[in-house]
Amino acid sequence: MAVLQSDVNVGNITEVNGVGRVVRDQEYQAQLDFDINSYDNVQTANGRMGITFIDDTTIKITEHSQVIIDEFVFDPNPDKSKMALTFAKGTARFITGSLGKVKKENIVLRTNSATIGIRGTDFTVTVDELGRSLIILLPLADGTSSGEIVVSTAAGQVVLNQPYQATTASVFEAMPTKPVILDITLDLIDNMLIVNPPQEERLETAESSSTSNSNLLDVDFLEFEELDKDYLEDDLEFTELDVNYLDVNFLEDLLDILEEIDELEKEETSKVNEVAVKGTQLGFDATTQINTFITGNTITLLRSVSDTVRVDADKGGSYTIYLIQDGKSTQIVINGGSDNTLTIKQRD
């Protein structure tokens, strides 16, 4: 029998390095083997954390991140199991365990700007301070796809099913960006999201510390410049926990780049019979769901979803057209859009 496990252990912290906490009825410092319950708010400051749930699903969280366990129900019958998580900020890697067998509708993963539907998947999600999300599907060790991700917003959805395929979502009211395949490796992701630094890194730190101490003995304290240096202050200001073994900020930079590329693609000008169109493609555009075609001197925009909107205009004119249908607004600019602005809103 499936039981909602709110005050029952649904997993525990299996890796921790640096500063982190679990907010429940109060704040608890993150430490190895600390129990994780449903509704826990897991946060890192200058630290990283790894959580393993009772079905072997794992999450690895980088610095300054926050993940909320909204709900966790585990049952020997996968059809009765449920999981709901919110990735509030930062970067995390999510690797499914037995949940790979659970029905899609029983797994709900959210960010501020998207909902992520999965099946047997390994992926990373980055949420920046503006709430924008970057989702990257990762492969299995043999390089094949680890599964499928459906990234959804109120405006539509995209499917990720190829290794290193990525999309971004800026706000929940806008369509996710067109998926692209990134030129990265699994080793890079593994290193980026490492929780505990490799042993050799620690040894190097210890050796360098030893070298530093020996050099300190060689200091001529009669030299004015050396008297100005506070060695104790340096030791207090910087510890191994402050070492950023691999900078994960490039994921947020990548989010900016992918959004810029997507915007440029949307703004690409299509020209047929000397008509310039921005915001949708000539012919059928799967993103805007608008058919755009030219007949003689007339350019026609036709969108037929639950209802139909049609605009016929002189192809020689300049227009900015707003089509508002089913709560979605689409801007189309024809020939620069300097002369006329048309707003067409279909009533609910």
C-alpha atoms as a PDB file:
ATOM      1  CA  MET A   1       0.000   0.000   0.000  1.00  0.00           C
ATOM      2  CA  ALA A   2       1.331   3.411  -0.977  1.00  0.00           C
ATOM      3  CA  VAL A   3       1.725   5.909   1.843  1.00  0.00           C
ATOM      4  CA  LEU A   4       2.427   9.639   1.557  1.00  0.00           C
ATOM      5  CA  GLN A   5       5.693   9.995   3.398  1.00  0.00           C
ATOM      6  CA  SER A   6       5.659  13.482   4.900  1.00  0.00           C
ATOM      7  CA  ASP A   7       7.358  12.769   8.221  1.00  0.00           C
ATOM      8  CA  VAL A   8       8.973   9.531   7.081  1.00  0.00           C
ATOM      9  CA  ASN A   9      12.411   9.158   5.588  1.00  0.00           C
ATOM     10  CA  VAL A  10      12.197   9.221   1.770  1.00  0.00           C
ATOM     11  CA  GLY A  11      15.944   9.452   1.261  1.00  0.00           C
ATOM     12  CA  ASN A  12      19.060  10.879   2.800  1.00  0.00           C
ATOM     13  CA  ILE A  13      22.066  13.051   2.143  1.00  0.00           C
ATOM     14  CA  THR A  14      24.766  10.814   0.702  1.00  0.00           C
ATOM     15  CA  GLU A  15      27.302  13.497  -0.238  1.00  0.00           C
ATOM     16  CA  VAL A  16      28.016  16.910   1.207  1.00  0.00           C
ATOM     17  CA  ASN A  17      30.825  19.408   0.880  1.00  0.00           C
ATOM     18  CA  GLY A  18      30.696  22.913   2.316  1.00  0.00           C
ATOM     19  CA  VAL A  19      27.656  24.749   3.631  1.00  0.00           C
ATOM     20  CA  GLY A  20      24.111  23.477   3.135  1.00  0.00           C
ATOM     21  CA  ARG A  21      20.883  23.104   5.079  1.00  0.00           C
ATOM     22  CA  VAL A  22      17.498  21.413   5.130  1.00  0.00           C
ATOM     23  CA  VAL A  23      14.565  23.628   6.118  1.00  0.00           C
ATOM     24  CA  ARG A  24      11.675  21.747   7.696  1.00  0.00           C
ATOM     25  CA  ASP A  25      10.073  22.732  10.999  1.00  0.00           C
ATOM     26  CA  GLN A  26      13.391  24.503  11.554  1.00  0.00           C
ATOM     27  CA  GLU A  27      16.780  24.752   9.843  1.00  0.00           C
ATOM     28  CA  TYR A  28      19.051  21.712   9.999  1.00  0.00           C
ATOM     29  CA  GLN A  29      22.674  21.727   8.929  1.00  0.00           C
ATOM     30  CA  ALA A  30      23.334  19.368   6.031  1.00  0.00           C
ATOM     31  CA  GLN A  31      25.411  16.355   6.993  1.00  0.00           C
ATOM     32  CA  LEU A  32      25.962  12.823   5.760  1.00  0.00           C
ATOM     33  CA  ASP A  33      23.082  10.380   6.344  1.00  0.00           C
ATOM     34  CA  PHE A  34      20.676  13.184   7.324  1.00  0.00           C
ATOM     35  CA  ASP A  35      17.122  11.988   6.581  1.00  0.00           C
ATOM     36  CA  ILE A  36      15.134  13.726   3.835  1.00  0.00           C
ATOM     37  CA  ASN A  37      11.322  13.963   4.109  1.00  0.00           C
ATOM     38  CA  SER A  38       8.560  15.116   1.809  1.00  0.00           C
ATOM     39  CA  TYR A  39       8.128  18.905   1.840  1.00  0.00           C
ATOM     40  CA  ASP A  40      11.771  19.486   2.793  1.00  0.00           C
ATOM     41  CA  ASN A  41      13.409  22.609   1.363  1.00  0.00           C
ATOM     42  CA  VAL A  42      17.015  21.709   0.524  1.00  0.00           C
ATOM     43  CA  GLN A  43      19.436  24.611   0.108  1.00  0.00           C
ATOM     44  CA  THR A  44      23.148  25.089  -0.460  1.00  0.00           C
ATOM     45  CA  ALA A  45      25.251  28.181   0.169  1.00  0.00           C
ATOM     46  CA  ASN A  46      28.970  27.823  -0.476  1.00  0.00           C
ATOM     47  CA  GLY A  47      28.650  24.054  -0.759  1.00  0.00           C
ATOM     48  CA  ARG A  48      27.358  21.082  -2.719  1.00  0.00           C
ATOM     49  CA  MET A  49      25.097  18.216  -1.823  1.00  0.00           C
ATOM     50  CA  GLY A  50      24.025  14.805  -3.086  1.00  0.00           C
ATOM     51  CA  ILE A  51      20.674  13.230  -2.146  1.00  0.00           C
ATOM     52  CA  THR A  52      19.686   9.611  -2.784  1.00  0.00           C
ATOM     53  CA  PHE A  53      16.009   8.699  -2.495  1.00  0.00           C
ATOM     54  CA  ILE A  54      14.753   5.275  -1.429  1.00  0.00           C
ATOM     55  CA  ASP A  55      14.152   4.266  -5.059  1.00  0.00           C
ATOM     56  CA  ASP A  56      17.812   5.135  -5.915  1.00  0.00           C
ATOM     57  CA  THR A  57      16.859   8.349  -7.721  1.00  0.00           C
ATOM     58  CA  THR A  58      19.659  10.849  -7.091  1.00  0.00           C
ATOM     59  CA  ILE A  59      19.999  14.613  -7.181  1.00  0.00           C
ATOM     60  CA  LYS A  60      23.308  16.449  -7.103  1.00  0.00           C
ATOM     61  CA  ILE A  61      23.058  20.124  -6.210  1.00  0.00           C
ATOM     62  CA  THR A  62      25.720  22.785  -6.785  1.00  0.00           C
ATOM     63  CA  GLU A  63      26.438  25.977  -4.857  1.00  0.00           C
ATOM     64  CA  HIS A  64      23.661  28.497  -4.112  1.00  0.00           C
ATOM     65  CA  SER A  65      20.897  26.125  -5.190  1.00  0.00           C
ATOM     66  CA  GLN A  66      17.469  25.256  -3.843  1.00  0.00           C
ATOM     67  CA  VAL A  67      15.320  22.161  -4.415  1.00  0.00           C
ATOM     68  CA  ILE A  68      11.941  21.578  -2.758  1.00  0.00           C
ATOM     69  CA  ILE A  69      10.623  18.037  -2.292  1.00  0.00           C
ATOM     70  CA  ASP A  70       6.938  18.777  -2.849  1.00  0.00           C
ATOM     71  CA  GLU A  71       5.778  15.177  -2.519  1.00  0.00           C
ATOM     72  CA  PHE A  72       7.197  11.670  -2.480  1.00  0.00           C
ATOM     73  CA  VAL A  73       5.175   8.445  -2.467  1.00  0.00           C
ATOM     74  CA  PHE A  74       7.003   5.153  -2.992  1.00  0.00           C
ATOM     75  CA  ASP A  75       5.270   1.845  -3.558  1.00  0.00           C
ATOM     76  CA  PRO A  76       6.599  -1.538  -4.735  1.00  0.00           C
ATOM     77  CA  ASN A  77       4.062  -1.132  -7.540  1.00  0.00           C
ATOM     78  CA  PRO A  78       5.624   1.630  -9.692  1.00  0.00           C
ATOM     79  CA  ASP A  79       2.186   2.688 -10.953  1.00  0.00           C
ATOM     80  CA  LYS A  80       1.342   3.865  -7.436  1.00  0.00           C
ATOM     81  CA  SER A  81       4.551   5.788  -6.832  1.00  0.00           C
ATOM     82  CA  LYS A  82       4.710   9.574  -7.144  1.00  0.00           C
ATOM     83  CA  MET A  83       7.369  12.233  -7.095  1.00  0.00           C
ATOM     84  CA  ALA A  84       7.074  16.005  -7.260  1.00  0.00           C
ATOM     85  CA  LEU A  85      10.072  18.350  -7.041  1.00  0.00           C
ATOM     86  CA  THR A  86      10.578  22.060  -7.601  1.00  0.00           C
ATOM     87  CA  PHE A  87      13.967  23.302  -8.804  1.00  0.00           C
ATOM     88  CA  ALA A  88      13.813  26.829  -7.410  1.00  0.00           C
ATOM     89  CA  LYS A  89      17.309  28.108  -8.216  1.00  0.00           C
ATOM     90  CA  GLY A  90      20.844  27.054  -9.057  1.00  0.00           C
ATOM     91  CA  THR A  91      21.970  23.912 -10.860  1.00  0.00           C
ATOM     92  CA  ALA A  92      21.103  20.285 -10.183  1.00  0.00           C
ATOM     93  CA  ARG A  93      21.517  16.941 -11.905  1.00  0.00           C
ATOM     94  CA  PHE A  94      18.607  14.513 -11.700  1.00  0.00           C
ATOM     95  CA  ILE A  95      19.093  10.784 -12.352  1.00  0.00           C
ATOM     96  CA  THR A  96      16.073   8.500 -12.093  1.00  0.00           C
ATOM     97  CA  GLY A  97      16.128   5.210 -10.237  1.00  0.00           C
ATOM     98  CA  SER A  98      13.130   2.891 -10.151  1.00  0.00           C
ATOM     99  CA  LEU A  99      11.015   5.905 -11.091  1.00  0.00           C
ATOM    100  CA  GLY A 100      12.048   5.188 -14.674  1.00  0.00           C
ATOM    101  CA  LYS A 101       9.182   2.681 -14.622  1.00  0.00           C
ATOM    102  CA  VAL A 102       6.588   5.062 -13.212  1.00  0.00           C
ATOM    103  CA  LYS A 103       3.923   6.533 -15.443  1.00  0.00           C
ATOM    104  CA  LYS A 104       4.865   9.932 -16.793  1.00  0.00           C
ATOM    105  CA  GLU A 105       1.907  11.633 -15.202  1.00  0.00           C
ATOM    106  CA  ASN A 106       3.069  10.490 -11.747  1.00  0.00           C
ATOM    107  CA  ILE A 107       6.323  12.468 -11.955  1.00  0.00           C
ATOM    108  CA  VAL A 108       6.036  16.247 -11.705  1.00  0.00           C
ATOM    109  CA  LEU A 109       9.217  18.324 -11.891  1.00  0.00           C
ATOM    110  CA  ARG A 110       8.884  22.098 -11.959  1.00  0.00           C
ATOM    111  CA  THR A 111      10.934  25.246 -12.289  1.00  0.00           C
ATOM    112  CA  ASN A 112       9.701  28.838 -12.094  1.00  0.00           C
ATOM    113  CA  SER A 113       9.204  28.888 -15.858  1.00  0.00           C
ATOM    114  CA  ALA A 114       8.498  25.301 -16.999  1.00  0.00           C
ATOM    115  CA  THR A 115       7.222  21.847 -16.164  1.00  0.00           C
ATOM    116  CA  ILE A 116       9.462  18.887 -16.978  1.00  0.00           C
ATOM    117  CA  GLY A 117       7.934  15.537 -17.874  1.00  0.00           C
ATOM    118  CA  ILE A 118      10.355  12.621 -17.887  1.00  0.00           C
ATOM    119  CA  ARG A 119      10.728   8.923 -18.520  1.00  0.00           C
ATOM    120  CA  GLY A 120      13.872   7.123 -17.379  1.00  0.00           C
ATOM    121  CA  THR A 121      16.031  10.199 -17.696  1.00  0.00           C
ATOM    122  CA  ASP A 122      19.345  11.759 -16.702  1.00  0.00           C
ATOM    123  CA  PHE A 123      19.357  15.534 -17.080  1.00  0.00           C
ATOM    124  CA  THR A 124      20.571  18.813 -15.613  1.00  0.00           C
ATOM    125  CA  VAL A 125      18.480  21.869 -14.864  1.00  0.00           C
ATOM    126  CA  THR A 126      19.767  25.382 -14.206  1.00  0.00           C
ATOM    127  CA  VAL A 127      17.509  28.153 -12.874  1.00  0.00           C
ATOM    128  CA  ASP A 128      18.958  31.658 -12.778  1.00  0.00           C
ATOM    129  CA  GLU A 129      18.037  34.603 -10.557  1.00  0.00           C
ATOM    130  CA  LEU A 130      15.383  35.710 -13.074  1.00  0.00           C
ATOM    131  CA  GLY A 131      13.659  32.330 -12.941  1.00  0.00           C
ATOM    132  CA  ARG A 132      14.749  31.300 -16.436  1.00  0.00           C
ATOM    133  CA  SER A 133      15.467  27.604 -16.922  1.00  0.00           C
ATOM    134  CA  LEU A 134      18.022  25.642 -18.950  1.00  0.00           C
ATOM    135  CA  ILE A 135      17.394  21.904 -19.307  1.00  0.00           C
ATOM    136  CA  ILE A 136      19.975  19.535 -20.839  1.00  0.00           C
ATOM    137  CA  LEU A 137      19.279  15.854 -21.556  1.00  0.00           C
ATOM    138  CA  LEU A 138      22.314  13.682 -20.807  1.00  0.00           C
ATOM    139  CA  PRO A 139      23.236  10.319 -22.338  1.00  0.00           C
ATOM    140  CA  LEU A 140      23.897   6.932 -20.828  1.00  0.00           C
ATOM    141  CA  ALA A 141      27.512   5.883 -20.319  1.00  0.00           C
ATOM    142  CA  ASP A 142      27.509   4.259 -23.787  1.00  0.00           C
ATOM    143  CA  GLY A 143      26.531   7.564 -25.397  1.00  0.00           C
ATOM    144  CA  THR A 144      22.931   6.659 -26.217  1.00  0.00           C
ATOM    145  CA  SER A 145      19.950   8.692 -25.053  1.00  0.00           C
ATOM    146  CA  SER A 146      18.985   8.191 -21.402  1.00  0.00           C
ATOM    147  CA  GLY A 147      15.318   8.750 -22.166  1.00  0.00           C
ATOM    148  CA  GLU A 148      13.016  11.601 -23.061  1.00  0.00           C
ATOM    149  CA  ILE A 149      12.108  14.966 -21.577  1.00  0.00           C
ATOM    150  CA  VAL A 150       9.047  17.023 -22.407  1.00  0.00           C
ATOM    151  CA  VAL A 151       9.538  20.663 -21.381  1.00  0.00           C
ATOM    152  CA  SER A 152       6.178  22.414 -21.185  1.00  0.00           C
ATOM    153  CA  THR A 153       4.924  25.942 -20.625  1.00  0.00           C
ATOM    154  CA  ALA A 154       1.516  27.554 -21.019  1.00  0.00           C
ATOM    155  CA  ALA A 155       2.436  28.382 -24.623  1.00  0.00           C
ATOM    156  CA  GLY A 156       3.503  24.907 -25.747  1.00  0.00           C
ATOM    157  CA  GLN A 157       6.122  22.218 -25.342  1.00  0.00           C
ATOM    158  CA  VAL A 158       9.321  20.820 -26.820  1.00  0.00           C
ATOM    159  CA  VAL A 159      10.729  17.292 -26.634  1.00  0.00           C
ATOM    160  CA  LEU A 160      14.339  16.426 -25.812  1.00  0.00           C
ATOM    161  CA  ASN A 161      15.296  12.893 -26.838  1.00  0.00           C
ATOM    162  CA  GLN A 162      18.876  13.163 -28.086  1.00  0.00           C
ATOM    163  CA  PRO A 163      22.089  13.260 -26.017  1.00  0.00           C
ATOM    164  CA  TYR A 164      23.065  16.808 -24.962  1.00  0.00           C
ATOM    165  CA  GLN A 165      19.905  18.282 -26.451  1.00  0.00           C
ATOM    166  CA  ALA A 166      18.927  21.456 -24.600  1.00  0.00           C
ATOM    167  CA  THR A 167      16.161  24.027 -24.364  1.00  0.00           C
ATOM    168  CA  THR A 168      15.476  27.134 -22.303  1.00  0.00           C
ATOM    169  CA  ALA A 169      12.296  28.628 -20.865  1.00  0.00           C
ATOM    170  CA  SER A 170      12.218  32.297 -19.920  1.00  0.00           C
ATOM    171  CA  VAL A 171       8.698  32.621 -18.495  1.00  0.00           C
ATOM    172  CA  PHE A 172       5.821  30.161 -18.172  1.00  0.00           C
ATOM    173  CA  GLU A 173       3.717  32.205 -20.605  1.00  0.00           C
ATOM    174  CA  ALA A 174       6.246  31.858 -23.462  1.00  0.00           C
ATOM    175  CA  MET A 175       7.192  28.894 -25.639  1.00  0.00           C
ATOM    176  CA  PRO A 176      10.431  27.040 -24.739  1.00  0.00           C
ATOM    177  CA  THR A 177      13.243  27.658 -27.194  1.00  0.00           C
ATOM    178  CA  LYS A 178      13.862  25.353 -30.124  1.00  0.00           C
ATOM    179  CA  PRO A 179      16.009  22.389 -28.959  1.00  0.00           C
ATOM    180  CA  VAL A 180      19.698  22.460 -29.890  1.00  0.00           C
ATOM    181  CA  ILE A 181      22.445  19.861 -29.387  1.00  0.00           C
ATOM    182  CA  LEU A 182      25.354  21.128 -27.297  1.00  0.00           C
ATOM    183  CA  ASP A 183      28.988  20.256 -27.957  1.00  0.00           C
ATOM    184  CA  ILE A 184      29.802  19.022 -24.450  1.00  0.00           C
ATOM    185  CA  THR A 185      30.773  15.716 -22.830  1.00  0.00           C
ATOM    186  CA  LEU A 186      29.503  13.656 -19.933  1.00  0.00           C
ATOM    187  CA  ASP A 187      32.889  14.009 -18.231  1.00  0.00           C
ATOM    188  CA  LEU A 188      32.474  17.775 -18.301  1.00  0.00           C
ATOM    189  CA  ILE A 189      29.047  17.524 -16.678  1.00  0.00           C
ATOM    190  CA  ASP A 190      30.320  15.009 -14.104  1.00  0.00           C
ATOM    191  CA  ASN A 191      33.207  17.288 -13.165  1.00  0.00           C
ATOM    192  CA  MET A 192      30.998  20.349 -13.122  1.00  0.00           C
ATOM    193  CA  LEU A 193      28.541  18.799 -10.701  1.00  0.00           C
ATOM    194  CA  ILE A 194      31.104  17.037  -8.519  1.00  0.00           C
ATOM    195  CA  VAL A 195      30.160  17.133  -4.839  1.00  0.00           C
ATOM    196  CA  ASN A 196      33.323  15.879  -3.179  1.00  0.00           C
ATOM    197  CA  PRO A 197      36.586  16.922  -4.865  1.00  0.00           C
ATOM    198  CA  PRO A 198      38.893  14.135  -6.047  1.00  0.00           C
ATOM    199  CA  GLN A 199      41.365  12.805  -3.487  1.00  0.00           C
ATOM    200  CA  GLU A 200      44.330  14.057  -5.472  1.00  0.00           C
ATOM    201  CA  GLU A 201      42.895  17.578  -5.273  1.00  0.00           C
ATOM    202  CA  ARG A 202      42.853  17.322  -1.490  1.00  0.00           C
ATOM    203  CA  LEU A 203      46.395  15.991  -1.427  1.00  0.00           C
ATOM    204  CA  GLU A 204      47.558  18.877  -3.577  1.00  0.00           C
ATOM    205  CA  THR A 205      45.880  21.298  -1.198  1.00  0.00           C
ATOM    206  CA  ALA A 206      47.524  19.638   1.774  1.00  0.00           C
ATOM    207  CA  GLU A 207      50.922  19.663   0.083  1.00  0.00           C
ATOM    208  CA  SER A 208      50.584  23.281  -0.936  1.00  0.00           C
ATOM    209  CA  SER A 209      49.577  24.123   2.636  1.00  0.00           C
ATOM    210  CA  SER A 210      52.681  22.350   3.903  1.00  0.00           C
ATOM    211  CA  THR A 211      54.803  24.243   1.404  1.00  0.00           C
ATOM    212  CA  SER A 212      53.215  27.476   2.514  1.00  0.00           C
ATOM    213  CA  ASN A 213      54.101  26.762   6.145  1.00  0.00           C
ATOM    214  CA  SER A 214      57.731  26.042   5.283  1.00  0.00           C
ATOM    215  CA  ASN A 215      57.934  29.245   3.285  1.00  0.00           C
ATOM    216  CA  LEU A 216      56.523  31.133   6.251  1.00  0.00           C
ATOM    217  CA  LEU A 217      59.508  30.023   8.332  1.00  0.00           C
ATOM    218  CA  ASP A 218      61.838  31.470   5.716  1.00  0.00           C
ATOM    219  CA  VAL A 219      60.238  34.925   5.848  1.00  0.00           C
ATOM    220  CA  ASP A 220      62.511  37.770   6.908  1.00  0.00           C
ATOM    221  CA  PHE A 221      60.175  39.661   9.243  1.00  0.00           C
ATOM    222  CA  LEU A 222      62.585  42.605   9.275  1.00  0.00           C
ATOM    223  CA  GLU A 223      61.487  43.401   5.742  1.00  0.00           C
ATOM    224  CA  PHE A 224      58.756  46.061   5.820  1.00  0.00           C
ATOM    225  CA  GLU A 225      56.734  44.495   3.000  1.00  0.00           C
ATOM    226  CA  GLU A 226      56.426  41.177   4.790  1.00  0.00           C
ATOM    227  CA  LEU A 227      55.346  42.837   8.045  1.00  0.00           C
ATOM    228  CA  ASP A 228      52.369  44.290   6.172  1.00  0.00           C
ATOM    229  CA  LYS A 229      51.159  40.813   5.201  1.00  0.00           C
ATOM    230  CA  ASP A 230      48.737  39.106   7.590  1.00  0.00           C
ATOM    231  CA  TYR A 231      49.261  35.384   7.047  1.00  0.00           C
ATOM    232  CA  LEU A 232      46.623  34.399   9.594  1.00  0.00           C
ATOM    233  CA  GLU A 233      44.017  36.540   7.864  1.00  0.00           C
ATOM    234  CA  ASP A 234      44.768  34.815   4.552  1.00  0.00           C
ATOM    235  CA  ASP A 235      44.206  31.402   6.140  1.00  0.00           C
ATOM    236  CA  LEU A 236      40.883  32.493   7.601  1.00  0.00           C
ATOM    237  CA  GLU A 237      39.640  34.058   4.381  1.00  0.00           C
ATOM    238  CA  PHE A 238      40.262  31.080   2.141  1.00  0.00           C
ATOM    239  CA  THR A 239      39.709  27.392   2.834  1.00  0.00           C
ATOM    240  CA  GLU A 240      39.277  24.314   0.694  1.00  0.00           C
ATOM    241  CA  LEU A 241      35.507  24.784   0.898  1.00  0.00           C
ATOM    242  CA  ASP A 242      35.955  28.028  -1.042  1.00  0.00           C
ATOM    243  CA  VAL A 243      37.672  26.292  -3.951  1.00  0.00           C
ATOM    244  CA  ASN A 244      35.504  26.277  -7.043  1.00  0.00           C
ATOM    245  CA  TYR A 245      36.808  23.133  -8.668  1.00  0.00           C
ATOM    246  CA  LEU A 246      34.833  23.779 -11.828  1.00  0.00           C
ATOM    247  CA  ASP A 247      32.829  26.910 -12.473  1.00  0.00           C
ATOM    248  CA  VAL A 248      29.194  26.079 -13.217  1.00  0.00           C
ATOM    249  CA  ASN A 249      28.286  29.659 -14.079  1.00  0.00           C
ATOM    250  CA  PHE A 250      28.861  28.838 -17.728  1.00  0.00           C
ATOM    251  CA  LEU A 251      25.460  27.081 -17.657  1.00  0.00           C
ATOM    252  CA  GLU A 252      23.803  30.407 -16.895  1.00  0.00           C
ATOM    253  CA  ASP A 253      25.915  32.007 -19.632  1.00  0.00           C
ATOM    254  CA  LEU A 254      24.774  29.216 -21.935  1.00  0.00           C
ATOM    255  CA  LEU A 255      21.163  29.993 -21.053  1.00  0.00           C
ATOM    256  CA  ASP A 256      21.702  33.562 -22.295  1.00  0.00           C
ATOM    257  CA  ILE A 257      23.349  32.346 -25.499  1.00  0.00           C
ATOM    258  CA  LEU A 258      20.597  29.851 -26.359  1.00  0.00           C
ATOM    259  CA  GLU A 259      17.905  32.462 -25.780  1.00  0.00           C
ATOM    260  CA  GLU A 260      19.743  34.929 -28.002  1.00  0.00           C
ATOM    261  CA  ILE A 261      20.092  32.343 -30.772  1.00  0.00           C
ATOM    262  CA  ASP A 262      16.401  31.496 -30.530  1.00  0.00           C
ATOM    263  CA  GLU A 263      15.460  35.160 -30.663  1.00  0.00           C
ATOM    264  CA  LEU A 264      17.633  35.705 -33.709  1.00  0.00           C
ATOM    265  CA  GLU A 265      16.020  32.764 -35.454  1.00  0.00           C
ATOM    266  CA  LYS A 266      12.582  34.167 -34.711  1.00  0.00           C
ATOM    267  CA  GLU A 267      13.641  37.532 -36.072  1.00  0.00           C
ATOM    268  CA  GLU A 268      15.116  36.133 -39.256  1.00  0.00           C
ATOM    269  CA  THR A 269      13.485  37.804 -42.205  1.00  0.00           C
ATOM    270  CA  SER A 270      11.681  35.671 -44.764  1.00  0.00           C
ATOM    271  CA  LYS A 271      11.385  37.340 -48.166  1.00  0.00           C
ATOM    272  CA  VAL A 272       9.146  36.165 -50.983  1.00  0.00           C
ATOM    273  CA  ASN A 273       7.933  38.450 -53.732  1.00  0.00           C
ATOM    274  CA  GLU A 274       9.684  41.346 -51.913  1.00  0.00           C
ATOM    275  CA  VAL A 275       7.643  40.892 -48.716  1.00  0.00           C
ATOM    276  CA  ALA A 276       9.580  40.890 -45.432  1.00  0.00           C
ATOM    277  CA  VAL A 277       8.001  38.973 -42.526  1.00  0.00           C
ATOM    278  CA  LYS A 278       9.240  38.722 -38.933  1.00  0.00           C
ATOM    279  CA  GLY A 279       7.747  36.781 -36.028  1.00  0.00           C
ATOM    280  CA  THR A 280       6.546  33.830 -38.075  1.00  0.00           C
ATOM    281  CA  GLN A 281       7.689  31.881 -41.111  1.00  0.00           C
ATOM    282  CA  LEU A 282       6.170  31.917 -44.553  1.00  0.00           C
ATOM    283  CA  GLY A 283       4.178  28.755 -45.023  1.00  0.00           C
ATOM    284  CA  PHE A 284       3.240  26.897 -41.851  1.00  0.00           C
ATOM    285  CA  ASP A 285       5.148  27.791 -38.684  1.00  0.00           C
ATOM    286  CA  ALA A 286       4.898  24.991 -36.095  1.00  0.00           C
ATOM    287  CA  THR A 287       5.855  27.361 -33.266  1.00  0.00           C
ATOM    288  CA  THR A 288       3.290  30.103 -33.911  1.00  0.00           C
ATOM    289  CA  GLN A 289       0.828  27.711 -35.631  1.00  0.00           C
ATOM    290  CA  ILE A 290       0.237  30.396 -38.249  1.00  0.00           C
ATOM    291  CA  ASN A 291      -0.055  29.777 -41.980  1.00  0.00           C
ATOM    292  CA  THR A 292       1.380  32.711 -43.957  1.00  0.00           C
ATOM    293  CA  PHE A 293       0.956  32.819 -47.727  1.00  0.00           C
ATOM    294  CA  ILE A 294       0.873  35.334 -50.566  1.00  0.00           C
ATOM    295  CA  THR A 295      -1.730  35.414 -53.311  1.00  0.00           C
ATOM    296  CA  GLY A 296      -1.274  38.134 -55.909  1.00  0.00           C
ATOM    297  CA  ASN A 297      -0.960  41.423 -53.993  1.00  0.00           C
ATOM    298  CA  THR A 298      -2.383  40.006 -50.754  1.00  0.00           C
ATOM    299  CA  ILE A 299      -0.539  38.492 -47.804  1.00  0.00           C
ATOM    300  CA  THR A 300      -2.668  36.255 -45.598  1.00  0.00           C
ATOM    301  CA  LEU A 301      -2.127  35.171 -41.995  1.00  0.00           C
ATOM    302  CA  LEU A 302      -4.283  32.242 -40.906  1.00  0.00           C
ATOM    303  CA  ARG A 303      -4.269  30.614 -37.482  1.00  0.00           C
ATOM    304  CA  SER A 304      -6.799  27.889 -36.806  1.00  0.00           C
ATOM    305  CA  VAL A 305      -6.593  26.112 -33.464  1.00  0.00           C
ATOM    306  CA  SER A 306      -9.734  25.987 -31.322  1.00  0.00           C
ATOM    307  CA  ASP A 307     -11.071  28.880 -33.442  1.00  0.00           C
ATOM    308  CA  THR A 308      -9.891  30.597 -36.600  1.00  0.00           C
ATOM    309  CA  VAL A 309      -8.272  34.007 -37.070  1.00  0.00           C
ATOM    310  CA  ARG A 310      -7.538  35.306 -40.579  1.00  0.00           C
ATOM    311  CA  VAL A 311      -5.895  38.548 -41.693  1.00  0.00           C
ATOM    312  CA  ASP A 312      -5.678  39.645 -45.342  1.00  0.00           C
ATOM    313  CA  ALA A 313      -3.465  42.657 -46.053  1.00  0.00           C
ATOM    314  CA  ASP A 314      -1.862  44.441 -49.003  1.00  0.00           C
ATOM    315  CA  LYS A 315       1.578  42.906 -49.386  1.00  0.00           C
ATOM    316  CA  GLY A 316       3.014  46.349 -50.212  1.00  0.00           C
ATOM    317  CA  GLY A 317       2.010  47.860 -46.875  1.00  0.00           C
ATOM    318  CA  SER A 318       3.859  47.888 -43.543  1.00  0.00           C
ATOM    319  CA  TYR A 319       2.121  46.367 -40.534  1.00  0.00           C
ATOM    320  CA  THR A 320       2.644  45.298 -36.956  1.00  0.00           C
ATOM    321  CA  ILE A 321       0.005  42.697 -36.222  1.00  0.00           C
ATOM    322  CA  TYR A 322      -0.840  41.227 -32.826  1.00  0.00           C
ATOM    323  CA  LEU A 323      -2.868  38.015 -32.912  1.00  0.00           C
ATOM    324  CA  ILE A 324      -4.310  37.173 -29.497  1.00  0.00           C
ATOM    325  CA  GLN A 325      -5.968  33.771 -29.404  1.00  0.00           C
ATOM    326  CA  ASP A 326      -6.422  31.204 -26.621  1.00  0.00           C
ATOM    327  CA  GLY A 327      -4.594  33.577 -24.268  1.00  0.00           C
ATOM    328  CA  LYS A 328      -1.494  33.602 -26.485  1.00  0.00           C
ATOM    329  CA  SER A 329      -0.212  36.783 -28.132  1.00  0.00           C
ATOM    330  CA  THR A 330       1.909  36.608 -31.290  1.00  0.00           C
ATOM    331  CA  GLN A 331       3.558  39.649 -32.890  1.00  0.00           C
ATOM    332  CA  ILE A 332       4.108  39.638 -36.657  1.00  0.00           C
ATOM    333  CA  VAL A 333       5.927  42.474 -38.403  1.00  0.00           C
ATOM    334  CA  ILE A 334       5.435  42.913 -42.160  1.00  0.00           C
ATOM    335  CA  ASN A 335       7.760  45.146 -44.192  1.00  0.00           C
ATOM    336  CA  GLY A 336       9.187  46.880 -41.122  1.00  0.00           C
ATOM    337  CA  GLY A 337       5.852  47.530 -39.450  1.00  0.00           C
ATOM    338  CA  SER A 338       6.070  51.341 -39.456  1.00  0.00           C
ATOM    339  CA  ASP A 339       2.695  52.325 -40.946  1.00  0.00           C
ATOM    340  CA  ASN A 340      -0.129  50.404 -39.271  1.00  0.00           C
ATOM    341  CA  THR A 341      -0.674  48.470 -36.049  1.00  0.00           C
ATOM    342  CA  LEU A 342      -3.450  45.906 -35.929  1.00  0.00           C
ATOM    343  CA  THR A 343      -4.531  44.089 -32.765  1.00  0.00           C
ATOM    344  CA  ILE A 344      -6.858  41.162 -33.238  1.00  0.00           C
ATOM    345  CA  LYS A 345      -8.126  39.603 -30.016  1.00  0.00           C
ATOM    346  CA  GLN A 346     -10.455  36.665 -30.157  1.00  0.00           C
ATOM    347  CA  ARG A 347     -12.910  36.524 -27.281  1.00  0.00           C
ATOM    348  CA  ASP A 348     -12.934  33.445 -25.054  1.00  0.00           C
END
